[in-house]
C-alpha atoms as a PDB file:
ATOM      1  CA  UNK A   1      30.043 -16.081  20.480  1.00  0.00           C
ATOM      2  CA  UNK A   2      33.711 -15.442  19.869  1.00  0.00           C
ATOM      3  CA  UNK A   3      34.545 -16.257  16.262  1.00  0.00           C
ATOM      4  CA  UNK A   4      36.677 -19.305  15.499  1.00  0.00           C
ATOM      5  CA  UNK A   5      38.290 -20.427  12.260  1.00  0.00           C
ATOM      6  CA  UNK A   6      38.137 -23.699  10.392  1.00  0.00           C
ATOM      7  CA  UNK A   7      41.879 -24.050  11.018  1.00  0.00           C
ATOM      8  CA  UNK A   8      41.291 -23.830  14.759  1.00  0.00           C
ATOM      9  CA  UNK A   9      38.627 -26.518  14.555  1.00  0.00           C
ATOM     10  CA  UNK A  10      40.990 -28.827  12.643  1.00  0.00           C
ATOM     11  CA  UNK A  11      43.876 -28.098  15.032  1.00  0.00           C
ATOM     12  CA  UNK A  12      41.704 -28.744  18.088  1.00  0.00           C
ATOM     13  CA  UNK A  13      40.445 -31.997  16.629  1.00  0.00           C
ATOM     14  CA  UNK A  14      44.017 -33.103  15.926  1.00  0.00           C
ATOM     15  CA  UNK A  15      45.132 -32.132  19.433  1.00  0.00           C
ATOM     16  CA  UNK A  16      42.314 -34.233  20.860  1.00  0.00           C
ATOM     17  CA  UNK A  17      43.102 -37.143  18.537  1.00  0.00           C
ATOM     18  CA  UNK A  18      39.555 -37.265  17.195  1.00  0.00           C
ATOM     19  CA  UNK A  19      38.354 -38.165  13.727  1.00  0.00           C
ATOM     20  CA  UNK A  20      35.925 -35.907  11.884  1.00  0.00           C
ATOM     21  CA  UNK A  21      33.159 -38.421  12.626  1.00  0.00           C
ATOM     22  CA  UNK A  22      33.992 -38.537  16.340  1.00  0.00           C
ATOM     23  CA  UNK A  23      33.956 -34.755  16.740  1.00  0.00           C
ATOM     24  CA  UNK A  24      30.735 -34.486  14.734  1.00  0.00           C
ATOM     25  CA  UNK A  25      29.084 -37.049  17.002  1.00  0.00           C
ATOM     26  CA  UNK A  26      30.372 -35.356  20.160  1.00  0.00           C
ATOM     27  CA  UNK A  27      29.100 -31.982  18.929  1.00  0.00           C
ATOM     28  CA  UNK A  28      25.768 -33.459  17.885  1.00  0.00           C
ATOM     29  CA  UNK A  29      26.059 -32.444  14.238  1.00  0.00           C
ATOM     30  CA  UNK A  30      26.219 -34.351  10.981  1.00  0.00           C
ATOM     31  CA  UNK A  31      29.424 -35.703   9.485  1.00  0.00           C
ATOM     32  CA  UNK A  32      29.013 -33.736   6.243  1.00  0.00           C
ATOM     33  CA  UNK A  33      28.383 -30.549   8.216  1.00  0.00           C
ATOM     34  CA  UNK A  34      31.653 -31.064  10.100  1.00  0.00           C
ATOM     35  CA  UNK A  35      33.521 -31.693   6.853  1.00  0.00           C
ATOM     36  CA  UNK A  36      32.058 -28.481   5.405  1.00  0.00           C
ATOM     37  CA  UNK A  37      33.055 -26.455   8.488  1.00  0.00           C
ATOM     38  CA  UNK A  38      36.623 -27.734   8.331  1.00  0.00           C
ATOM     39  CA  UNK A  39      37.020 -27.331   4.571  1.00  0.00           C
ATOM     40  CA  UNK A  40      36.267 -23.617   4.402  1.00  0.00           C
ATOM     41  CA  UNK A  41      38.905 -20.917   4.690  1.00  0.00           C
ATOM     42  CA  UNK A  42      38.857 -18.596   7.663  1.00  0.00           C
ATOM     43  CA  UNK A  43      35.647 -18.274   9.632  1.00  0.00           C
ATOM     44  CA  UNK A  44      33.304 -21.041   8.499  1.00  0.00           C
ATOM     45  CA  UNK A  45      29.881 -20.057   7.287  1.00  0.00           C
ATOM     46  CA  UNK A  46      27.189 -21.823   9.195  1.00  0.00           C
ATOM     47  CA  UNK A  47      24.437 -21.691  11.704  1.00  0.00           C
ATOM     48  CA  UNK A  48      25.541 -20.052  14.957  1.00  0.00           C
ATOM     49  CA  UNK A  49      24.009 -22.942  16.911  1.00  0.00           C
ATOM     50  CA  UNK A  50      26.129 -25.430  14.936  1.00  0.00           C
ATOM     51  CA  UNK A  51      29.359 -23.513  15.470  1.00  0.00           C
ATOM     52  CA  UNK A  52      28.553 -23.092  19.152  1.00  0.00           C
ATOM     53  CA  UNK A  53      28.008 -26.861  19.477  1.00  0.00           C
ATOM     54  CA  UNK A  54      31.414 -27.568  17.941  1.00  0.00           C
ATOM     55  CA  UNK A  55      33.165 -24.942  20.067  1.00  0.00           C
ATOM     56  CA  UNK A  56      31.500 -26.197  23.255  1.00  0.00           C
ATOM     57  CA  UNK A  57      32.359 -29.843  22.524  1.00  0.00           C
ATOM     58  CA  UNK A  58      36.013 -28.940  21.974  1.00  0.00           C
ATOM     59  CA  UNK A  59      36.193 -26.806  25.110  1.00  0.00           C
ATOM     60  CA  UNK A  60      34.546 -29.531  27.230  1.00  0.00           C
ATOM     61  CA  UNK A  61      37.230 -31.917  25.981  1.00  0.00           C
ATOM     62  CA  UNK A  62      39.928 -29.646  27.427  1.00  0.00           C
ATOM     63  CA  UNK A  63      41.059 -27.426  24.551  1.00  0.00           C
ATOM     64  CA  UNK A  64      40.678 -23.658  24.428  1.00  0.00           C
ATOM     65  CA  UNK A  65      40.664 -21.264  21.517  1.00  0.00           C
ATOM     66  CA  UNK A  66      43.181 -18.413  21.605  1.00  0.00           C
ATOM     67  CA  UNK A  67      43.769 -15.308  19.530  1.00  0.00           C
ATOM     68  CA  UNK A  68      41.377 -13.929  16.972  1.00  0.00           C
ATOM     69  CA  UNK A  69      40.684 -14.847  13.363  1.00  0.00           C
ATOM     70  CA  UNK A  70      42.719 -11.767  12.391  1.00  0.00           C
ATOM     71  CA  UNK A  71      45.638 -12.248  14.773  1.00  0.00           C
ATOM     72  CA  UNK A  72      47.219 -15.322  16.296  1.00  0.00           C
ATOM     73  CA  UNK A  73      44.297 -17.727  16.008  1.00  0.00           C
ATOM     74  CA  UNK A  74      45.178 -21.042  17.582  1.00  0.00           C
ATOM     75  CA  UNK A  75      44.311 -23.658  20.174  1.00  0.00           C
ATOM     76  CA  UNK A  76      45.962 -25.022  23.299  1.00  0.00           C
ATOM     77  CA  UNK A  77      45.250 -27.318  26.212  1.00  0.00           C
ATOM     78  CA  UNK A  78      43.358 -25.554  28.991  1.00  0.00           C
ATOM     79  CA  UNK A  79      45.566 -24.818  31.949  1.00  0.00           C
END
């Protein structure tokens, strides 16, 4: 899995207009887990399966992750 940052998760959620609870439900994870993922700095610590679920949910909603955690990490609408 390509690494994503907590900032990218927050930015993607904002772009989609979702609350923390809505994204957690869509990704099939708990609310407190989502809060923890978003509140860390840089690459969130967590189970790979959990991070993959979040990334997949965001990508299915039409947002893609760009850059790397070390250079230009961001999100944008899929073209």
